[in-house]
Each structure stands twice: as C-alpha cells, then as structure tokens.
C-alpha atoms as a PDB file:
ATOM      1  CA  UNK A   1       0.000   0.000   0.000  1.00  0.00           C
ATOM      2  CA  UNK A   2       2.937   2.326  -0.565  1.00  0.00           C
ATOM      3  CA  UNK A   3       1.703   5.518  -2.195  1.00  0.00           C
ATOM      4  CA  UNK A   4       2.952   6.449  -5.631  1.00  0.00           C
ATOM      5  CA  UNK A   5       5.773   8.973  -5.685  1.00  0.00           C
ATOM      6  CA  UNK A   6       3.921  12.088  -6.816  1.00  0.00           C
ATOM      7  CA  UNK A   7       4.989  15.671  -6.233  1.00  0.00           C
ATOM      8  CA  UNK A   8       2.726  18.114  -4.446  1.00  0.00           C
ATOM      9  CA  UNK A   9       1.368  21.047  -6.393  1.00  0.00           C
ATOM     10  CA  UNK A  10       0.661  24.615  -5.351  1.00  0.00           C
ATOM     11  CA  UNK A  11      -2.442  26.081  -6.979  1.00  0.00           C
ATOM     12  CA  UNK A  12      -2.691  29.636  -5.681  1.00  0.00           C
ATOM     13  CA  UNK A  13      -5.308  30.817  -8.158  1.00  0.00           C
ATOM     14  CA  UNK A  14      -7.159  30.238 -11.414  1.00  0.00           C
ATOM     15  CA  UNK A  15      -4.137  30.635 -13.723  1.00  0.00           C
ATOM     16  CA  UNK A  16      -2.211  27.849 -11.999  1.00  0.00           C
ATOM     17  CA  UNK A  17      -5.355  25.706 -12.002  1.00  0.00           C
ATOM     18  CA  UNK A  18      -5.975  26.051 -15.742  1.00  0.00           C
ATOM     19  CA  UNK A  19      -2.340  25.267 -16.509  1.00  0.00           C
ATOM     20  CA  UNK A  20      -2.106  22.163 -14.328  1.00  0.00           C
ATOM     21  CA  UNK A  21      -5.499  20.620 -15.058  1.00  0.00           C
ATOM     22  CA  UNK A  22      -5.605  21.634 -18.741  1.00  0.00           C
ATOM     23  CA  UNK A  23      -9.149  22.987 -18.810  1.00  0.00           C
ATOM     24  CA  UNK A  24     -10.802  25.532 -21.080  1.00  0.00           C
ATOM     25  CA  UNK A  25     -11.286  29.196 -20.264  1.00  0.00           C
ATOM     26  CA  UNK A  26     -15.032  28.558 -20.259  1.00  0.00           C
ATOM     27  CA  UNK A  27     -14.666  25.889 -17.570  1.00  0.00           C
ATOM     28  CA  UNK A  28     -12.389  28.176 -15.579  1.00  0.00           C
ATOM     29  CA  UNK A  29     -15.074  30.869 -15.679  1.00  0.00           C
ATOM     30  CA  UNK A  30     -17.582  28.410 -14.197  1.00  0.00           C
ATOM     31  CA  UNK A  31     -15.194  27.569 -11.368  1.00  0.00           C
ATOM     32  CA  UNK A  32     -14.524  31.261 -10.774  1.00  0.00           C
ATOM     33  CA  UNK A  33     -18.284  31.833 -10.538  1.00  0.00           C
ATOM     34  CA  UNK A  34     -18.418  28.932  -8.067  1.00  0.00           C
ATOM     35  CA  UNK A  35     -15.643  30.496  -5.964  1.00  0.00           C
ATOM     36  CA  UNK A  36     -17.332  33.897  -5.876  1.00  0.00           C
ATOM     37  CA  UNK A  37     -20.711  32.397  -4.967  1.00  0.00           C
ATOM     38  CA  UNK A  38     -19.065  30.360  -2.210  1.00  0.00           C
ATOM     39  CA  UNK A  39     -17.545  33.513  -0.755  1.00  0.00           C
ATOM     40  CA  UNK A  40     -20.954  35.222  -0.791  1.00  0.00           C
ATOM     41  CA  UNK A  41     -22.901  32.332   0.775  1.00  0.00           C
ATOM     42  CA  UNK A  42     -20.194  31.717   3.368  1.00  0.00           C
ATOM     43  CA  UNK A  43     -21.190  34.992   5.030  1.00  0.00           C
ATOM     44  CA  UNK A  44     -24.448  33.404   6.229  1.00  0.00           C
ATOM     45  CA  UNK A  45     -23.839  29.632   6.005  1.00  0.00           C
ATOM     46  CA  UNK A  46     -20.771  27.753   7.230  1.00  0.00           C
ATOM     47  CA  UNK A  47     -20.010  25.876   4.009  1.00  0.00           C
ATOM     48  CA  UNK A  48     -16.251  25.424   4.451  1.00  0.00           C
ATOM     49  CA  UNK A  49     -13.706  26.141   7.164  1.00  0.00           C
ATOM     50  CA  UNK A  50     -13.182  29.927   7.136  1.00  0.00           C
ATOM     51  CA  UNK A  51      -9.414  29.417   7.183  1.00  0.00           C
ATOM     52  CA  UNK A  52      -9.597  27.793   3.728  1.00  0.00           C
ATOM     53  CA  UNK A  53     -11.395  30.615   1.900  1.00  0.00           C
ATOM     54  CA  UNK A  54      -8.165  32.338   0.885  1.00  0.00           C
ATOM     55  CA  UNK A  55      -6.838  29.099  -0.631  1.00  0.00           C
ATOM     56  CA  UNK A  56     -10.010  27.783  -2.258  1.00  0.00           C
ATOM     57  CA  UNK A  57      -8.248  26.897  -5.530  1.00  0.00           C
ATOM     58  CA  UNK A  58      -5.776  24.652  -3.707  1.00  0.00           C
ATOM     59  CA  UNK A  59      -7.758  23.362  -0.731  1.00  0.00           C
ATOM     60  CA  UNK A  60     -11.041  22.736  -2.511  1.00  0.00           C
ATOM     61  CA  UNK A  61     -10.880  22.956  -6.310  1.00  0.00           C
ATOM     62  CA  UNK A  62      -7.523  21.255  -6.934  1.00  0.00           C
ATOM     63  CA  UNK A  63      -8.109  18.822  -4.075  1.00  0.00           C
ATOM     64  CA  UNK A  64     -11.338  17.769  -5.800  1.00  0.00           C
ATOM     65  CA  UNK A  65     -10.087  17.847  -9.389  1.00  0.00           C
ATOM     66  CA  UNK A  66      -7.217  15.438  -8.712  1.00  0.00           C
ATOM     67  CA  UNK A  67      -9.752  12.637  -8.200  1.00  0.00           C
ATOM     68  CA  UNK A  68     -10.884  12.830 -11.817  1.00  0.00           C
ATOM     69  CA  UNK A  69      -7.418  11.683 -12.867  1.00  0.00           C
ATOM     70  CA  UNK A  70      -7.983   8.438 -10.935  1.00  0.00           C
ATOM     71  CA  UNK A  71     -11.436   7.719 -12.412  1.00  0.00           C
ATOM     72  CA  UNK A  72     -12.310   5.861 -15.633  1.00  0.00           C
ATOM     73  CA  UNK A  73     -11.752   8.156 -18.602  1.00  0.00           C
ATOM     74  CA  UNK A  74     -15.351   8.178 -19.826  1.00  0.00           C
ATOM     75  CA  UNK A  75     -17.121   7.695 -16.496  1.00  0.00           C
ATOM     76  CA  UNK A  76     -20.909   7.788 -16.807  1.00  0.00           C
ATOM     77  CA  UNK A  77     -22.093   7.381 -13.189  1.00  0.00           C
ATOM     78  CA  UNK A  78     -20.613   8.983 -10.075  1.00  0.00           C
ATOM     79  CA  UNK A  79     -22.037   9.331  -6.568  1.00  0.00           C
ATOM     80  CA  UNK A  80     -20.631  11.833  -4.078  1.00  0.00           C
ATOM     81  CA  UNK A  81     -21.616  11.157  -0.464  1.00  0.00           C
ATOM     82  CA  UNK A  82     -22.076  14.019   1.998  1.00  0.00           C
ATOM     83  CA  UNK A  83     -21.304  16.589  -0.685  1.00  0.00           C
ATOM     84  CA  UNK A  84     -21.384  19.622   1.610  1.00  0.00           C
ATOM     85  CA  UNK A  85     -20.339  22.633  -0.452  1.00  0.00           C
ATOM     86  CA  UNK A  86     -19.750  20.419  -3.482  1.00  0.00           C
ATOM     87  CA  UNK A  87     -16.259  19.082  -2.855  1.00  0.00           C
ATOM     88  CA  UNK A  88     -15.380  16.948  -4.644  1.00  0.00           C
ATOM     89  CA  UNK A  89     -18.596  16.057  -6.498  1.00  0.00           C
ATOM     90  CA  UNK A  90     -19.716  19.386  -7.935  1.00  0.00           C
ATOM     91  CA  UNK A  91     -16.199  20.283  -9.071  1.00  0.00           C
ATOM     92  CA  UNK A  92     -16.046  16.912 -10.834  1.00  0.00           C
ATOM     93  CA  UNK A  93     -19.389  17.610 -12.515  1.00  0.00           C
ATOM     94  CA  UNK A  94     -18.153  20.984 -13.781  1.00  0.00           C
ATOM     95  CA  UNK A  95     -14.957  19.449 -15.173  1.00  0.00           C
ATOM     96  CA  UNK A  96     -16.888  16.670 -16.927  1.00  0.00           C
ATOM     97  CA  UNK A  97     -19.278  19.272 -18.341  1.00  0.00           C
ATOM     98  CA  UNK A  98     -16.286  21.235 -19.608  1.00  0.00           C
ATOM     99  CA  UNK A  99     -14.813  18.214 -21.377  1.00  0.00           C
ATOM    100  CA  UNK A 100     -17.976  16.738 -22.875  1.00  0.00           C
ATOM    101  CA  UNK A 101     -20.475  19.575 -23.010  1.00  0.00           C
ATOM    102  CA  UNK A 102     -24.131  19.596 -22.029  1.00  0.00           C
ATOM    103  CA  UNK A 103     -24.859  16.495 -24.107  1.00  0.00           C
ATOM    104  CA  UNK A 104     -23.081  14.421 -21.456  1.00  0.00           C
ATOM    105  CA  UNK A 105     -26.147  14.911 -19.250  1.00  0.00           C
ATOM    106  CA  UNK A 106     -26.079  14.266 -15.542  1.00  0.00           C
ATOM    107  CA  UNK A 107     -23.156  12.029 -14.604  1.00  0.00           C
ATOM    108  CA  UNK A 108     -22.716  13.048 -10.952  1.00  0.00           C
ATOM    109  CA  UNK A 109     -25.229  12.648  -8.145  1.00  0.00           C
ATOM    110  CA  UNK A 110     -24.695  14.656  -4.952  1.00  0.00           C
ATOM    111  CA  UNK A 111     -26.151  13.385  -1.675  1.00  0.00           C
ATOM    112  CA  UNK A 112     -26.384  16.071   1.006  1.00  0.00           C
ATOM    113  CA  UNK A 113     -28.872  16.005   3.879  1.00  0.00           C
ATOM    114  CA  UNK A 114     -28.353  19.607   5.063  1.00  0.00           C
ATOM    115  CA  UNK A 115     -31.081  21.600   3.318  1.00  0.00           C
ATOM    116  CA  UNK A 116     -29.041  24.814   3.261  1.00  0.00           C
ATOM    117  CA  UNK A 117     -26.027  23.125   1.702  1.00  0.00           C
ATOM    118  CA  UNK A 118     -28.274  21.329  -0.791  1.00  0.00           C
ATOM    119  CA  UNK A 119     -29.730  24.733  -1.712  1.00  0.00           C
ATOM    120  CA  UNK A 120     -26.213  26.048  -2.287  1.00  0.00           C
ATOM    121  CA  UNK A 121     -25.444  23.090  -4.551  1.00  0.00           C
ATOM    122  CA  UNK A 122     -28.609  23.814  -6.490  1.00  0.00           C
ATOM    123  CA  UNK A 123     -27.658  27.472  -6.865  1.00  0.00           C
ATOM    124  CA  UNK A 124     -24.233  26.597  -8.277  1.00  0.00           C
ATOM    125  CA  UNK A 125     -25.779  24.065 -10.660  1.00  0.00           C
ATOM    126  CA  UNK A 126     -28.312  26.658 -11.812  1.00  0.00           C
ATOM    127  CA  UNK A 127     -25.794  29.455 -12.292  1.00  0.00           C
ATOM    128  CA  UNK A 128     -23.298  27.252 -14.151  1.00  0.00           C
ATOM    129  CA  UNK A 129     -25.938  25.296 -16.134  1.00  0.00           C
ATOM    130  CA  UNK A 130     -24.165  22.073 -15.154  1.00  0.00           C
ATOM    131  CA  UNK A 131     -26.407  19.010 -14.972  1.00  0.00           C
ATOM    132  CA  UNK A 132     -26.229  17.226 -11.615  1.00  0.00           C
ATOM    133  CA  UNK A 133     -28.696  15.257  -9.522  1.00  0.00           C
ATOM    134  CA  UNK A 134     -28.990  16.616  -5.978  1.00  0.00           C
ATOM    135  CA  UNK A 135     -30.473  14.279  -3.375  1.00  0.00           C
ATOM    136  CA  UNK A 136     -31.305  16.216  -0.166  1.00  0.00           C
ATOM    137  CA  UNK A 137     -31.558  13.177   2.121  1.00  0.00           C
ATOM    138  CA  UNK A 138     -29.452  11.262   4.594  1.00  0.00           C
ATOM    139  CA  UNK A 139     -27.204   8.647   3.029  1.00  0.00           C
ATOM    140  CA  UNK A 140     -28.339   6.008   5.511  1.00  0.00           C
ATOM    141  CA  UNK A 141     -31.967   6.084   4.366  1.00  0.00           C
ATOM    142  CA  UNK A 142     -32.938   3.070   2.305  1.00  0.00           C
ATOM    143  CA  UNK A 143     -35.110   5.332   0.167  1.00  0.00           C
ATOM    144  CA  UNK A 144     -31.986   7.246  -0.810  1.00  0.00           C
ATOM    145  CA  UNK A 145     -30.091   4.124  -1.732  1.00  0.00           C
ATOM    146  CA  UNK A 146     -33.058   2.750  -3.650  1.00  0.00           C
ATOM    147  CA  UNK A 147     -32.603   5.602  -6.128  1.00  0.00           C
ATOM    148  CA  UNK A 148     -29.362   4.115  -7.377  1.00  0.00           C
ATOM    149  CA  UNK A 149     -28.055   1.247  -9.372  1.00  0.00           C
ATOM    150  CA  UNK A 150     -24.393   0.526  -8.628  1.00  0.00           C
ATOM    151  CA  UNK A 151     -22.181   3.243 -10.076  1.00  0.00           C
ATOM    152  CA  UNK A 152     -18.695   3.473 -11.518  1.00  0.00           C
ATOM    153  CA  UNK A 153     -17.239   5.866  -8.931  1.00  0.00           C
ATOM    154  CA  UNK A 154     -18.100   6.692  -5.311  1.00  0.00           C
ATOM    155  CA  UNK A 155     -16.440   9.623  -3.551  1.00  0.00           C
ATOM    156  CA  UNK A 156     -16.587  11.266  -0.136  1.00  0.00           C
ATOM    157  CA  UNK A 157     -14.303  13.830   1.453  1.00  0.00           C
ATOM    158  CA  UNK A 158     -13.960  14.333   5.217  1.00  0.00           C
ATOM    159  CA  UNK A 159     -17.204  12.460   5.845  1.00  0.00           C
ATOM    160  CA  UNK A 160     -16.340   9.600   8.223  1.00  0.00           C
ATOM    161  CA  UNK A 161     -13.603   7.128   9.187  1.00  0.00           C
ATOM    162  CA  UNK A 162     -13.137   4.499   6.493  1.00  0.00           C
ATOM    163  CA  UNK A 163     -14.867   1.732   8.474  1.00  0.00           C
ATOM    164  CA  UNK A 164     -18.100   3.740   8.678  1.00  0.00           C
ATOM    165  CA  UNK A 165     -17.660   5.259   5.238  1.00  0.00           C
ATOM    166  CA  UNK A 166     -17.596   1.838   3.586  1.00  0.00           C
ATOM    167  CA  UNK A 167     -20.836   1.015   5.385  1.00  0.00           C
ATOM    168  CA  UNK A 168     -22.426   4.041   3.737  1.00  0.00           C
ATOM    169  CA  UNK A 169     -20.892   3.401   0.329  1.00  0.00           C
ATOM    170  CA  UNK A 170     -21.133  -0.342  -0.184  1.00  0.00           C
ATOM    171  CA  UNK A 171     -24.641  -0.445  -1.670  1.00  0.00           C
ATOM    172  CA  UNK A 172     -23.370   1.666  -4.552  1.00  0.00           C
ATOM    173  CA  UNK A 173     -20.601  -0.833  -5.322  1.00  0.00           C
ATOM    174  CA  UNK A 174     -20.403  -3.725  -7.720  1.00  0.00           C
ATOM    175  CA  UNK A 175     -17.308  -5.519  -8.998  1.00  0.00           C
ATOM    176  CA  UNK A 176     -16.485  -2.657 -11.349  1.00  0.00           C
ATOM    177  CA  UNK A 177     -16.952   0.232  -8.909  1.00  0.00           C
ATOM    178  CA  UNK A 178     -14.069   2.189  -7.426  1.00  0.00           C
ATOM    179  CA  UNK A 179     -14.156   4.365  -4.330  1.00  0.00           C
ATOM    180  CA  UNK A 180     -11.954   7.453  -4.198  1.00  0.00           C
ATOM    181  CA  UNK A 181     -11.637   8.631  -0.611  1.00  0.00           C
ATOM    182  CA  UNK A 182      -9.165  11.379   0.375  1.00  0.00           C
ATOM    183  CA  UNK A 183      -7.640  10.591   3.757  1.00  0.00           C
ATOM    184  CA  UNK A 184      -5.026  11.944   6.142  1.00  0.00           C
ATOM    185  CA  UNK A 185      -2.019  10.575   7.955  1.00  0.00           C
ATOM    186  CA  UNK A 186      -4.064   7.931   9.826  1.00  0.00           C
ATOM    187  CA  UNK A 187      -5.235   6.173   6.675  1.00  0.00           C
ATOM    188  CA  UNK A 188      -3.304   2.957   7.425  1.00  0.00           C
ATOM    189  CA  UNK A 189      -5.028   2.671  10.797  1.00  0.00           C
ATOM    190  CA  UNK A 190      -8.397   3.348   9.185  1.00  0.00           C
ATOM    191  CA  UNK A 191      -7.764   0.603   6.635  1.00  0.00           C
ATOM    192  CA  UNK A 192      -6.828  -1.867   9.368  1.00  0.00           C
ATOM    193  CA  UNK A 193      -9.994  -1.044  11.325  1.00  0.00           C
ATOM    194  CA  UNK A 194     -12.171  -1.314   8.214  1.00  0.00           C
ATOM    195  CA  UNK A 195     -10.877  -4.804   7.416  1.00  0.00           C
ATOM    196  CA  UNK A 196     -12.649  -6.152  10.505  1.00  0.00           C
ATOM    197  CA  UNK A 197     -16.015  -5.865   8.746  1.00  0.00           C
ATOM    198  CA  UNK A 198     -15.131  -5.363   5.082  1.00  0.00           C
ATOM    199  CA  UNK A 199     -13.256  -7.192   2.369  1.00  0.00           C
ATOM    200  CA  UNK A 200     -11.697  -4.961  -0.284  1.00  0.00           C
ATOM    201  CA  UNK A 201      -8.642  -4.207  -2.387  1.00  0.00           C
ATOM    202  CA  UNK A 202      -6.953  -0.882  -1.753  1.00  0.00           C
ATOM    203  CA  UNK A 203      -4.095   1.146  -3.078  1.00  0.00           C
ATOM    204  CA  UNK A 204      -2.943   4.512  -1.795  1.00  0.00           C
ATOM    205  CA  UNK A 205      -2.225   7.457  -4.052  1.00  0.00           C
ATOM    206  CA  UNK A 206      -0.308  10.478  -2.810  1.00  0.00           C
ATOM    207  CA  UNK A 207      -2.497  13.571  -2.595  1.00  0.00           C
ATOM    208  CA  UNK A 208      -1.323  16.293  -4.945  1.00  0.00           C
ATOM    209  CA  UNK A 209      -2.510  19.035  -2.599  1.00  0.00           C
ATOM    210  CA  UNK A 210      -1.484  17.775   0.846  1.00  0.00           C
ATOM    211  CA  UNK A 211       1.949  16.236   1.548  1.00  0.00           C
ATOM    212  CA  UNK A 212       0.427  14.216   4.404  1.00  0.00           C
ATOM    213  CA  UNK A 213      -2.701  13.242   2.489  1.00  0.00           C
ATOM    214  CA  UNK A 214      -3.450   9.994   0.694  1.00  0.00           C
ATOM    215  CA  UNK A 215      -6.295   8.946  -1.570  1.00  0.00           C
ATOM    216  CA  UNK A 216      -7.608   5.488  -0.725  1.00  0.00           C
ATOM    217  CA  UNK A 217      -8.660   3.800  -3.966  1.00  0.00           C
ATOM    218  CA  UNK A 218     -11.066   1.026  -2.968  1.00  0.00           C
ATOM    219  CA  UNK A 219     -12.209  -1.813  -5.243  1.00  0.00           C
ATOM    220  CA  UNK A 220     -14.082  -5.129  -4.909  1.00  0.00           C
ATOM    221  CA  UNK A 221     -15.838  -4.054  -1.715  1.00  0.00           C
ATOM    222  CA  UNK A 222     -17.851  -6.740   0.082  1.00  0.00           C
ATOM    223  CA  UNK A 223     -19.200  -7.107   3.597  1.00  0.00           C
ATOM    224  CA  UNK A 224     -17.624  -9.905   5.616  1.00  0.00           C
ATOM    225  CA  UNK A 225     -20.052 -12.546   6.795  1.00  0.00           C
ATOM    226  CA  UNK A 226     -20.793 -12.458  10.510  1.00  0.00           C
ATOM    227  CA  UNK A 227     -19.991 -15.499  12.585  1.00  0.00           C
END
C-alpha cells in the first residue's frame, strides 16, 4: 500500500489551475463563478472552514479535481456522499461538463442532507448550467439508496472514518466500482480497522494538494459474513 511517488502542487489561483489541469477558459469561468458564490454564501452559512477561503483553488478545487485523474476516462455514473459545499462532487461535474459539453447529461449525483447546503449546490448548478442530480436526504436512508443502481465511482471527502464510510458506500458498489476517498495521515489505521467488517482491495495514491494526504482507492468491496 505504498503511495505512488507524486509531487505536491501549489495552486494559488485560477491561472495555476488552468495550466495544471488543462481545462478551457469557459470551464475556468464556471469555477470562478463557483468560488465567488461560495464567498458570498459563506457569510451566512458555514459551508467550508473559514481558514480555507483564501486558498479555495488549492484546498477545494484542486483537491477535488485530482480525483478525476484516478477515475475511468469516460465515467458515466458517479455518486458523491455528503457533498457539503460540493467538494469533490460538484467540481467533478463541472470538469466533466467542460470536457464533454451539455450532451453528457447528468453524470454526478450529490447526496447532502443539510437543506441549506443542498440549496447552495442547487444554486451553483443553476448558475453554471451544469447538470447534476442533488439528493437532499441522509445517506443512511434506504429510500436514498433505492434511487441508485451501482455506479462506476463513489467519492466522499472528510465524511467519516473508512470503516463507517464503507458502510455508507457499499450499496453503490459492484465488482467494477471504485471508491476514491481522500484521507489523512491515519489512513493505514483506518484501513486496518475497516478490514474487521469489510473485504476490499486498496491502493494509496499520494495527494497532490497535501503532503500528508493519501487517496484510498477502494475496489471489490464486500461485507464480511458475521460469525
């Protein structure tokens, strides 16, 4: 589970972002609109940690965008659990929209139970004209999970320890699904704890935005039989 040797990047603003992630000016404008709207809404709703607002391109946009590099090239179904302010799921949706255009339709589904955060997600989707499905319900509800067939990619950022996170994610998995879960320095301990109840293959990728961060890439997830 040794992470790949990848150098960290420093994305201080939109120009560095467009250069590193090779996106169009039109896509950059959508992300800039996102950043400005986030700043405005943050005044009344705690969407992200206030300390990260001055580094939104690094801490949120680049941190989200790096996951697309680990996903299947022409991914058609993606679920983001506990989307919050849209990281990583809404950033992914904007990047896919930028590459494929509106004809790609809705690839990403965002699950967020907080009504205010779900409203923010809806506002960004409306203002950018990016197609996403927003599910304003708790992940644990069977009615939420009944809305989905298994998908190609499942993501979640800063939602729960891996053991609990896999319990939330597993109904969206089949043999071809991958989970992309950004984690911190304790990821090895989280993996060890998760193996008590779950069977899975995992590799760790170095985070491009955090020298101490790792991305746990989970495949072939199955619940272990009890007893």
